[in-house]
Amino acid sequence: VSDRALATGADLVINDLSGITFSNGQLYIPDENRLR
């Protein structure tokens, strides 16, 4: 989470937690929130 995480081994990096939902066993992250 955040541009600081770009230097980590995270599988996916996002700007922030806005727009993220979890429903019916599905995690949704808006594409526009993804940094990597």
Full PDB file with SEQRES, HELIX, SHEET, SSBOND, CRYST1, ORIGX, SCALE, CONECT and MASTER records, all heavy atoms in Angstrom:
SEQRES   1 A   36  VAL SER ASP ARG ALA LEU ALA THR GLY ALA ASP LEU VAL          
SEQRES   2 A   36  ILE ASN ASP LEU SER GLY ILE THR PHE SER ASN GLY GLN          
SEQRES   3 A   36  LEU TYR ILE PRO ASP GLU ASN ARG LEU ARG                      
HELIX    1 AA1 ASP A    3  ALA A    7  5                                   5    
HELIX    2 AA2 ASP A   31  ASN A   33  5                                   3    
SHEET    1 AA1 2 THR A  21  SER A  23  0                                        
SHEET    2 AA1 2 GLN A  26  TYR A  28 -1                                        
CRYST1    1.000    1.000    1.000  90.00  90.00  90.00 P 1           1          
ORIGX1      1.000000  0.000000  0.000000        0.00000                         
ORIGX2      0.000000  1.000000  0.000000        0.00000                         
ORIGX3      0.000000  0.000000  1.000000        0.00000                         
SCALE1      1.000000  0.000000  0.000000        0.00000                         
SCALE2      0.000000  1.000000  0.000000        0.00000                         
SCALE3      0.000000  0.000000  1.000000        0.00000                         
ATOM      1  N   VAL A   1       0.847  -1.195   0.000  1.00  0.00           N  
ATOM      2  CA  VAL A   1       0.000   0.000   0.000  1.00  0.00           C  
ATOM      3  C   VAL A   1       0.882   1.244   0.000  1.00  0.00           C  
ATOM      4  O   VAL A   1       1.703   1.421   0.902  1.00  0.00           O  
ATOM      5  CB  VAL A   1      -0.942   0.010   1.224  1.00  0.00           C  
ATOM      6  CG1 VAL A   1      -1.834   1.242   1.191  1.00  0.00           C  
ATOM      7  CG2 VAL A   1      -1.770  -1.269   1.285  1.00  0.00           C  
ATOM      8  N   SER A   2       0.754   2.066  -0.992  1.00  0.00           N  
ATOM      9  CA  SER A   2       1.421   3.346  -1.225  1.00  0.00           C  
ATOM     10  C   SER A   2       2.662   3.152  -2.091  1.00  0.00           C  
ATOM     11  O   SER A   2       3.167   2.034  -2.249  1.00  0.00           O  
ATOM     12  CB  SER A   2       1.786   4.077   0.067  1.00  0.00           C  
ATOM     13  OG  SER A   2       3.014   3.616   0.603  1.00  0.00           O  
ATOM     14  N   ASP A   3       3.146   4.248  -2.625  1.00  0.00           N  
ATOM     15  CA  ASP A   3       4.306   4.167  -3.508  1.00  0.00           C  
ATOM     16  C   ASP A   3       5.544   3.668  -2.784  1.00  0.00           C  
ATOM     17  O   ASP A   3       6.463   3.147  -3.401  1.00  0.00           O  
ATOM     18  CB  ASP A   3       4.555   5.499  -4.217  1.00  0.00           C  
ATOM     19  CG  ASP A   3       4.782   6.660  -3.279  1.00  0.00           C  
ATOM     20  OD1 ASP A   3       4.590   6.511  -2.060  1.00  0.00           O  
ATOM     21  OD2 ASP A   3       5.155   7.740  -3.778  1.00  0.00           O  
ATOM     22  N   ARG A   4       5.582   3.791  -1.455  1.00  0.00           N  
ATOM     23  CA  ARG A   4       6.720   3.234  -0.688  1.00  0.00           C  
ATOM     24  C   ARG A   4       6.816   1.729  -0.871  1.00  0.00           C  
ATOM     25  O   ARG A   4       7.893   1.151  -0.809  1.00  0.00           O  
ATOM     26  CB  ARG A   4       6.576   3.531   0.802  1.00  0.00           C  
ATOM     27  CG  ARG A   4       6.753   4.974   1.164  1.00  0.00           C  
ATOM     28  CD  ARG A   4       6.594   5.149   2.639  1.00  0.00           C  
ATOM     29  NE  ARG A   4       5.249   4.689   3.018  1.00  0.00           N  
ATOM     30  CZ  ARG A   4       4.690   4.899   4.173  1.00  0.00           C  
ATOM     31  NH1 ARG A   4       5.332   5.524   5.112  1.00  0.00           N  
ATOM     32  NH2 ARG A   4       3.465   4.465   4.423  1.00  0.00           N  
ATOM     33  N   ALA A   5       5.697   1.074  -1.099  1.00  0.00           N  
ATOM     34  CA  ALA A   5       5.670  -0.386  -1.237  1.00  0.00           C  
ATOM     35  C   ALA A   5       6.197  -0.861  -2.587  1.00  0.00           C  
ATOM     36  O   ALA A   5       6.405  -2.056  -2.778  1.00  0.00           O  
ATOM     37  CB  ALA A   5       4.258  -0.904  -1.003  1.00  0.00           C  
ATOM     38  N   LEU A   6       6.436   0.060  -3.513  1.00  0.00           N  
ATOM     39  CA  LEU A   6       6.977  -0.335  -4.815  1.00  0.00           C  
ATOM     40  C   LEU A   6       8.356  -0.981  -4.671  1.00  0.00           C  
ATOM     41  O   LEU A   6       8.751  -1.801  -5.487  1.00  0.00           O  
ATOM     42  CB  LEU A   6       7.061   0.866  -5.752  1.00  0.00           C  
ATOM     43  CG  LEU A   6       5.719   1.372  -6.283  1.00  0.00           C  
ATOM     44  CD1 LEU A   6       5.892   2.734  -6.947  1.00  0.00           C  
ATOM     45  CD2 LEU A   6       5.105   0.364  -7.238  1.00  0.00           C  
ATOM     46  N   ALA A   7       9.078  -0.625  -3.624  1.00  0.00           N  
ATOM     47  CA  ALA A   7      10.419  -1.164  -3.397  1.00  0.00           C  
ATOM     48  C   ALA A   7      10.401  -2.468  -2.605  1.00  0.00           C  
ATOM     49  O   ALA A   7      11.448  -2.956  -2.203  1.00  0.00           O  
ATOM     50  CB  ALA A   7      11.273  -0.122  -2.675  1.00  0.00           C  
ATOM     51  N   THR A   8       9.230  -3.033  -2.373  1.00  0.00           N  
ATOM     52  CA  THR A   8       9.110  -4.281  -1.620  1.00  0.00           C  
ATOM     53  C   THR A   8       8.811  -5.446  -2.563  1.00  0.00           C  
ATOM     54  O   THR A   8       8.599  -5.249  -3.751  1.00  0.00           O  
ATOM     55  CB  THR A   8       7.977  -4.197  -0.575  1.00  0.00           C  
ATOM     56  OG1 THR A   8       6.711  -4.223  -1.254  1.00  0.00           O  
ATOM     57  CG2 THR A   8       8.089  -2.951   0.290  1.00  0.00           C  
ATOM     58  N   GLY A   9       8.751  -6.619  -2.003  1.00  0.00           N  
ATOM     59  CA  GLY A   9       8.418  -7.806  -2.778  1.00  0.00           C  
ATOM     60  C   GLY A   9       6.937  -8.117  -2.799  1.00  0.00           C  
ATOM     61  O   GLY A   9       6.551  -9.269  -3.014  1.00  0.00           O  
ATOM     62  N   ALA A  10       6.085  -7.110  -2.590  1.00  0.00           N  
ATOM     63  CA  ALA A  10       4.637  -7.322  -2.619  1.00  0.00           C  
ATOM     64  C   ALA A  10       4.201  -7.829  -3.986  1.00  0.00           C  
ATOM     65  O   ALA A  10       4.784  -7.455  -5.012  1.00  0.00           O  
ATOM     66  CB  ALA A  10       3.899  -6.030  -2.277  1.00  0.00           C  
ATOM     67  N   ASP A  11       3.176  -8.673  -3.995  1.00  0.00           N  
ATOM     68  CA  ASP A  11       2.658  -9.221  -5.247  1.00  0.00           C  
ATOM     69  C   ASP A  11       1.987  -8.156  -6.104  1.00  0.00           C  
ATOM     70  O   ASP A  11       2.011  -8.226  -7.334  1.00  0.00           O  
ATOM     71  CB  ASP A  11       1.630 -10.325  -4.952  1.00  0.00           C  
ATOM     72  CG  ASP A  11       2.233 -11.462  -4.159  1.00  0.00           C  
ATOM     73  OD1 ASP A  11       3.325 -11.941  -4.528  1.00  0.00           O  
ATOM     74  OD2 ASP A  11       1.610 -11.876  -3.160  1.00  0.00           O  
ATOM     75  N   LEU A  12       1.386  -7.197  -5.458  1.00  0.00           N  
ATOM     76  CA  LEU A  12       0.615  -6.137  -6.100  1.00  0.00           C  
ATOM     77  C   LEU A  12       0.801  -4.894  -5.246  1.00  0.00           C  
ATOM     78  O   LEU A  12       0.905  -5.006  -4.024  1.00  0.00           O  
ATOM     79  CB  LEU A  12      -0.865  -6.553  -6.129  1.00  0.00           C  
ATOM     80  CG  LEU A  12      -1.922  -5.554  -6.546  1.00  0.00           C  
ATOM     81  CD1 LEU A  12      -1.826  -5.298  -8.044  1.00  0.00           C  
ATOM     82  CD2 LEU A  12      -3.300  -6.107  -6.219  1.00  0.00           C  
ATOM     83  N   VAL A  13       0.872  -3.733  -5.861  1.00  0.00           N  
ATOM     84  CA  VAL A  13       1.006  -2.486  -5.106  1.00  0.00           C  
ATOM     85  C   VAL A  13      -0.110  -1.542  -5.527  1.00  0.00           C  
ATOM     86  O   VAL A  13      -0.372  -1.374  -6.724  1.00  0.00           O  
ATOM     87  CB  VAL A  13       2.386  -1.825  -5.316  1.00  0.00           C  
ATOM     88  CG1 VAL A  13       2.494  -0.534  -4.527  1.00  0.00           C  
ATOM     89  CG2 VAL A  13       3.515  -2.778  -4.926  1.00  0.00           C  
ATOM     90  N   ILE A  14      -0.771  -0.951  -4.518  1.00  0.00           N  
ATOM     91  CA  ILE A  14      -1.883  -0.033  -4.761  1.00  0.00           C  
ATOM     92  C   ILE A  14      -1.585   1.321  -4.122  1.00  0.00           C  
ATOM     93  O   ILE A  14      -0.755   1.430  -3.220  1.00  0.00           O  
ATOM     94  CB  ILE A  14      -3.200  -0.614  -4.212  1.00  0.00           C  
ATOM     95  CG1 ILE A  14      -3.102  -0.884  -2.710  1.00  0.00           C  
ATOM     96  CG2 ILE A  14      -3.578  -1.881  -4.965  1.00  0.00           C  
ATOM     97  CD1 ILE A  14      -4.385  -1.355  -2.046  1.00  0.00           C  
ATOM     98  N   ASN A  15      -2.286   2.358  -4.614  1.00  0.00           N  
ATOM     99  CA  ASN A  15      -2.129   3.697  -4.043  1.00  0.00           C  
ATOM    100  C   ASN A  15      -2.550   3.743  -2.588  1.00  0.00           C  
ATOM    101  O   ASN A  15      -1.828   4.236  -1.728  1.00  0.00           O  
ATOM    102  CB  ASN A  15      -2.994   4.713  -4.812  1.00  0.00           C  
ATOM    103  CG  ASN A  15      -2.350   5.187  -6.069  1.00  0.00           C  
ATOM    104  OD1 ASN A  15      -1.187   5.544  -6.082  1.00  0.00           O  
ATOM    105  ND2 ASN A  15      -3.111   5.176  -7.149  1.00  0.00           N  
ATOM    106  N   ASP A  16      -3.756   3.269  -2.337  1.00  0.00           N  
ATOM    107  CA  ASP A  16      -4.357   3.329  -1.005  1.00  0.00           C  
ATOM    108  C   ASP A  16      -5.474   2.298  -0.933  1.00  0.00           C  
ATOM    109  O   ASP A  16      -5.644   1.505  -1.852  1.00  0.00           O  
ATOM    110  CB  ASP A  16      -4.868   4.737  -0.690  1.00  0.00           C  
ATOM    111  CG  ASP A  16      -5.828   5.265  -1.743  1.00  0.00           C  
ATOM    112  OD1 ASP A  16      -6.668   4.485  -2.254  1.00  0.00           O  
ATOM    113  OD2 ASP A  16      -5.759   6.464  -2.061  1.00  0.00           O  
ATOM    114  N   LEU A  17      -6.225   2.319   0.133  1.00  0.00           N  
ATOM    115  CA  LEU A  17      -7.266   1.310   0.336  1.00  0.00           C  
ATOM    116  C   LEU A  17      -8.632   1.723  -0.202  1.00  0.00           C  
ATOM    117  O   LEU A  17      -9.599   0.976  -0.053  1.00  0.00           O  
ATOM    118  CB  LEU A  17      -7.374   0.978   1.833  1.00  0.00           C  
ATOM    119  CG  LEU A  17      -6.095   0.438   2.466  1.00  0.00           C  
ATOM    120  CD1 LEU A  17      -6.279   0.271   3.966  1.00  0.00           C  
ATOM    121  CD2 LEU A  17      -5.664  -0.861   1.825  1.00  0.00           C  
ATOM    122  N   SER A  18      -8.712   2.863  -0.868  1.00  0.00           N  
ATOM    123  CA  SER A  18     -10.008   3.327  -1.357  1.00  0.00           C  
ATOM    124  C   SER A  18     -10.531   2.440  -2.478  1.00  0.00           C  
ATOM    125  O   SER A  18      -9.773   1.950  -3.318  1.00  0.00           O  
ATOM    126  CB  SER A  18      -9.919   4.781  -1.826  1.00  0.00           C  
ATOM    127  OG  SER A  18      -9.022   4.901  -2.902  1.00  0.00           O  
ATOM    128  N   GLY A  19     -11.817   2.200  -2.452  1.00  0.00           N  
ATOM    129  CA  GLY A  19     -12.480   1.443  -3.493  1.00  0.00           C  
ATOM    130  C   GLY A  19     -12.359  -0.063  -3.378  1.00  0.00           C  
ATOM    131  O   GLY A  19     -12.931  -0.791  -4.186  1.00  0.00           O  
ATOM    132  N   ILE A  20     -11.637  -0.554  -2.395  1.00  0.00           N  
ATOM    133  CA  ILE A  20     -11.461  -1.995  -2.240  1.00  0.00           C  
ATOM    134  C   ILE A  20     -12.690  -2.576  -1.546  1.00  0.00           C  
ATOM    135  O   ILE A  20     -13.171  -2.033  -0.556  1.00  0.00           O  
ATOM    136  CB  ILE A  20     -10.196  -2.309  -1.426  1.00  0.00           C  
ATOM    137  CG1 ILE A  20      -8.965  -1.847  -2.205  1.00  0.00           C  
ATOM    138  CG2 ILE A  20     -10.105  -3.795  -1.110  1.00  0.00           C  
ATOM    139  CD1 ILE A  20      -7.689  -1.961  -1.426  1.00  0.00           C  
ATOM    140  N   THR A  21     -13.177  -3.671  -2.092  1.00  0.00           N  
ATOM    141  CA  THR A  21     -14.315  -4.353  -1.477  1.00  0.00           C  
ATOM    142  C   THR A  21     -14.038  -5.851  -1.427  1.00  0.00           C  
ATOM    143  O   THR A  21     -13.218  -6.369  -2.185  1.00  0.00           O  
ATOM    144  CB  THR A  21     -15.620  -4.112  -2.254  1.00  0.00           C  
ATOM    145  OG1 THR A  21     -15.453  -4.583  -3.597  1.00  0.00           O  
ATOM    146  CG2 THR A  21     -16.008  -2.639  -2.267  1.00  0.00           C  
ATOM    147  N   PHE A  22     -14.733  -6.517  -0.517  1.00  0.00           N  
ATOM    148  CA  PHE A  22     -14.681  -7.970  -0.414  1.00  0.00           C  
ATOM    149  C   PHE A  22     -16.109  -8.433  -0.235  1.00  0.00           C  
ATOM    150  O   PHE A  22     -16.774  -8.083   0.732  1.00  0.00           O  
ATOM    151  CB  PHE A  22     -13.815  -8.408   0.774  1.00  0.00           C  
ATOM    152  CG  PHE A  22     -13.662  -9.892   0.867  1.00  0.00           C  
ATOM    153  CD1 PHE A  22     -12.793 -10.568   0.018  1.00  0.00           C  
ATOM    154  CD2 PHE A  22     -14.388 -10.619   1.782  1.00  0.00           C  
ATOM    155  CE1 PHE A  22     -12.647 -11.946   0.099  1.00  0.00           C  
ATOM    156  CE2 PHE A  22     -14.249 -11.993   1.874  1.00  0.00           C  
ATOM    157  CZ  PHE A  22     -13.377 -12.665   1.026  1.00  0.00           C  
ATOM    158  N   SER A  23     -16.586  -9.191  -1.210  1.00  0.00           N  
ATOM    159  CA  SER A  23     -17.968  -9.640  -1.176  1.00  0.00           C  
ATOM    160  C   SER A  23     -18.077 -11.013  -1.821  1.00  0.00           C  
ATOM    161  O   SER A  23     -17.469 -11.253  -2.872  1.00  0.00           O  
ATOM    162  CB  SER A  23     -18.847  -8.628  -1.915  1.00  0.00           C  
ATOM    163  OG  SER A  23     -20.193  -9.042  -1.933  1.00  0.00           O  
ATOM    164  N   ASN A  24     -18.835 -11.890  -1.196  1.00  0.00           N  
ATOM    165  CA  ASN A  24     -19.054 -13.236  -1.734  1.00  0.00           C  
ATOM    166  C   ASN A  24     -17.744 -13.948  -2.051  1.00  0.00           C  
ATOM    167  O   ASN A  24     -17.609 -14.618  -3.072  1.00  0.00           O  
ATOM    168  CB  ASN A  24     -19.953 -13.193  -2.964  1.00  0.00           C  
ATOM    169  CG  ASN A  24     -21.325 -12.658  -2.657  1.00  0.00           C  
ATOM    170  OD1 ASN A  24     -21.886 -12.946  -1.613  1.00  0.00           O  
ATOM    171  ND2 ASN A  24     -21.860 -11.864  -3.561  1.00  0.00           N  
ATOM    172  N   GLY A  25     -16.750 -13.755  -1.180  1.00  0.00           N  
ATOM    173  CA  GLY A  25     -15.473 -14.426  -1.361  1.00  0.00           C  
ATOM    174  C   GLY A  25     -14.575 -13.831  -2.420  1.00  0.00           C  
ATOM    175  O   GLY A  25     -13.542 -14.406  -2.752  1.00  0.00           O  
ATOM    176  N   GLN A  26     -14.934 -12.668  -2.953  1.00  0.00           N  
ATOM    177  CA  GLN A  26     -14.150 -12.026  -4.006  1.00  0.00           C  
ATOM    178  C   GLN A  26     -13.586 -10.690  -3.537  1.00  0.00           C  
ATOM    179  O   GLN A  26     -14.319  -9.842  -3.029  1.00  0.00           O  
ATOM    180  CB  GLN A  26     -15.016 -11.785  -5.245  1.00  0.00           C  
ATOM    181  CG  GLN A  26     -15.509 -13.050  -5.908  1.00  0.00           C  
ATOM    182  CD  GLN A  26     -14.381 -13.844  -6.542  1.00  0.00           C  
ATOM    183  OE1 GLN A  26     -13.533 -13.300  -7.232  1.00  0.00           O  
ATOM    184  NE2 GLN A  26     -14.376 -15.143  -6.291  1.00  0.00           N  
ATOM    185  N   LEU A  27     -12.284 -10.521  -3.716  1.00  0.00           N  
ATOM    186  CA  LEU A  27     -11.613  -9.259  -3.428  1.00  0.00           C  
ATOM    187  C   LEU A  27     -11.581  -8.442  -4.711  1.00  0.00           C  
ATOM    188  O   LEU A  27     -11.158  -8.934  -5.762  1.00  0.00           O  
ATOM    189  CB  LEU A  27     -10.191  -9.532  -2.943  1.00  0.00           C  
ATOM    190  CG  LEU A  27      -9.330  -8.309  -2.636  1.00  0.00           C  
ATOM    191  CD1 LEU A  27      -9.900  -7.554  -1.434  1.00  0.00           C  
ATOM    192  CD2 LEU A  27      -7.897  -8.739  -2.361  1.00  0.00           C  
ATOM    193  N   TYR A  28     -12.050  -7.198  -4.626  1.00  0.00           N  
ATOM    194  CA  TYR A  28     -12.060  -6.320  -5.784  1.00  0.00           C  
ATOM    195  C   TYR A  28     -11.188  -5.107  -5.490  1.00  0.00           C  
ATOM    196  O   TYR A  28     -11.380  -4.426  -4.482  1.00  0.00           O  
ATOM    197  CB  TYR A  28     -13.481  -5.859  -6.136  1.00  0.00           C  
ATOM    198  CG  TYR A  28     -13.497  -4.803  -7.205  1.00  0.00           C  
ATOM    199  CD1 TYR A  28     -13.265  -5.137  -8.541  1.00  0.00           C  
ATOM    200  CD2 TYR A  28     -13.689  -3.473  -6.885  1.00  0.00           C  
ATOM    201  CE1 TYR A  28     -13.247  -4.173  -9.533  1.00  0.00           C  
ATOM    202  CE2 TYR A  28     -13.670  -2.493  -7.859  1.00  0.00           C  
ATOM    203  CZ  TYR A  28     -13.448  -2.848  -9.183  1.00  0.00           C  
ATOM    204  OH  TYR A  28     -13.418  -1.879 -10.153  1.00  0.00           O  
ATOM    205  N   ILE A  29     -10.239  -4.856  -6.392  1.00  0.00           N  
ATOM    206  CA  ILE A  29      -9.366  -3.681  -6.311  1.00  0.00           C  
ATOM    207  C   ILE A  29      -9.494  -2.944  -7.630  1.00  0.00           C  
ATOM    208  O   ILE A  29      -9.178  -3.515  -8.695  1.00  0.00           O  
ATOM    209  CB  ILE A  29      -7.907  -4.071  -6.058  1.00  0.00           C  
ATOM    210  CG1 ILE A  29      -7.796  -4.825  -4.730  1.00  0.00           C  
ATOM    211  CG2 ILE A  29      -6.999  -2.840  -6.072  1.00  0.00           C  
ATOM    212  CD1 ILE A  29      -6.444  -5.433  -4.462  1.00  0.00           C  
ATOM    213  N   PRO A  30      -9.956  -1.703  -7.612  1.00  0.00           N  
ATOM    214  CA  PRO A  30     -10.114  -0.953  -8.870  1.00  0.00           C  
ATOM    215  C   PRO A  30      -8.775  -0.820  -9.611  1.00  0.00           C  
ATOM    216  O   PRO A  30      -7.745  -0.545  -9.005  1.00  0.00           O  
ATOM    217  CB  PRO A  30     -10.609   0.421  -8.418  1.00  0.00           C  
ATOM    218  CG  PRO A  30     -11.100   0.235  -7.020  1.00  0.00           C  
ATOM    219  CD  PRO A  30     -10.339  -0.909  -6.449  1.00  0.00           C  
ATOM    220  N   ASP A  31      -8.801  -1.037 -10.904  1.00  0.00           N  
ATOM    221  CA  ASP A  31      -7.593  -0.941 -11.711  1.00  0.00           C  
ATOM    222  C   ASP A  31      -6.895   0.402 -11.548  1.00  0.00           C  
ATOM    223  O   ASP A  31      -5.659   0.477 -11.525  1.00  0.00           O  
ATOM    224  CB  ASP A  31      -7.892  -1.177 -13.193  1.00  0.00           C  
ATOM    225  CG  ASP A  31      -8.175  -2.627 -13.507  1.00  0.00           C  
ATOM    226  OD1 ASP A  31      -7.750  -3.527 -12.730  1.00  0.00           O  
ATOM    227  OD2 ASP A  31      -8.837  -2.903 -14.535  1.00  0.00           O  
ATOM    228  N   GLU A  32      -7.668   1.466 -11.433  1.00  0.00           N  
ATOM    229  CA  GLU A  32      -7.067   2.798 -11.330  1.00  0.00           C  
ATOM    230  C   GLU A  32      -6.319   3.007 -10.002  1.00  0.00           C  
ATOM    231  O   GLU A  32      -5.588   3.978  -9.856  1.00  0.00           O  
ATOM    232  CB  GLU A  32      -8.117   3.900 -11.526  1.00  0.00           C  
ATOM    233  CG  GLU A  32      -9.239   3.900 -10.514  1.00  0.00           C  
ATOM    234  CD  GLU A  32     -10.440   3.030 -10.904  1.00  0.00           C  
ATOM    235  OE1 GLU A  32     -10.342   2.221 -11.838  1.00  0.00           O  
ATOM    236  OE2 GLU A  32     -11.463   3.153 -10.241  1.00  0.00           O  
ATOM    237  N   ASN A  33      -6.483   2.102  -9.065  1.00  0.00           N  
ATOM    238  CA  ASN A  33      -5.793   2.197  -7.782  1.00  0.00           C  
ATOM    239  C   ASN A  33      -4.478   1.414  -7.785  1.00  0.00           C  
ATOM    240  O   ASN A  33      -3.703   1.494  -6.858  1.00  0.00           O  
ATOM    241  CB  ASN A  33      -6.705   1.687  -6.654  1.00  0.00           C  
ATOM    242  CG  ASN A  33      -6.261   2.159  -5.290  1.00  0.00           C  
ATOM    243  OD1 ASN A  33      -5.327   2.941  -5.158  1.00  0.00           O  
ATOM    244  ND2 ASN A  33      -6.915   1.680  -4.265  1.00  0.00           N  
ATOM    245  N   ARG A  34      -4.218   0.674  -8.827  1.00  0.00           N  
ATOM    246  CA  ARG A  34      -3.023  -0.172  -8.889  1.00  0.00           C  
ATOM    247  C   ARG A  34      -1.806   0.604  -9.367  1.00  0.00           C  
ATOM    248  O   ARG A  34      -1.867   1.309 -10.367  1.00  0.00           O  
ATOM    249  CB  ARG A  34      -3.273  -1.359  -9.818  1.00  0.00           C  
ATOM    250  CG  ARG A  34      -4.368  -2.271  -9.323  1.00  0.00           C  
ATOM    251  CD  ARG A  34      -4.687  -3.341 -10.355  1.00  0.00           C  
ATOM    252  NE  ARG A  34      -5.872  -4.077  -9.946  1.00  0.00           N  
ATOM    253  CZ  ARG A  34      -5.925  -5.410  -9.840  1.00  0.00           C  
ATOM    254  NH1 ARG A  34      -4.875  -6.124 -10.144  1.00  0.00           N  
ATOM    255  NH2 ARG A  34      -7.021  -5.987  -9.471  1.00  0.00           N  
ATOM    256  N   LEU A  35      -0.702   0.439  -8.646  1.00  0.00           N  
ATOM    257  CA  LEU A  35       0.569   1.037  -9.058  1.00  0.00           C  
ATOM    258  C   LEU A  35       1.455   0.014  -9.766  1.00  0.00           C  
ATOM    259  O   LEU A  35       2.274   0.367 -10.599  1.00  0.00           O  
ATOM    260  CB  LEU A  35       1.320   1.592  -7.843  1.00  0.00           C  
ATOM    261  CG  LEU A  35       0.653   2.750  -7.103  1.00  0.00           C  
ATOM    262  CD1 LEU A  35       1.433   3.109  -5.866  1.00  0.00           C  
ATOM    263  CD2 LEU A  35       0.545   3.951  -8.031  1.00  0.00           C  
ATOM    264  N   ARG A  36       1.313  -1.239  -9.364  1.00  0.00           N  
ATOM    265  CA  ARG A  36       2.103  -2.323  -9.975  1.00  0.00           C  
ATOM    266  C   ARG A  36       1.358  -3.624  -9.808  1.00  0.00           C  
ATOM    267  O   ARG A  36       0.771  -3.927  -8.836  1.00  0.00           O  
ATOM    268  CB  ARG A  36       3.468  -2.428  -9.300  1.00  0.00           C  
ATOM    269  CG  ARG A  36       4.314  -3.578  -9.839  1.00  0.00           C  
ATOM    270  CD  ARG A  36       5.576  -3.743  -9.104  1.00  0.00           C  
ATOM    271  NE  ARG A  36       5.200  -4.061  -7.707  1.00  0.00           N  
ATOM    272  CZ  ARG A  36       6.025  -4.543  -6.808  1.00  0.00           C  
ATOM    273  NH1 ARG A  36       7.248  -4.721  -7.087  1.00  0.00           N  
ATOM    274  NH2 ARG A  36       5.619  -4.814  -5.599  1.00  0.00           N  
TER     275      ARG A  36                                                      
MASTER        0    0    0    2    2    0    0    6  274    1    0    3          
END                                                                             
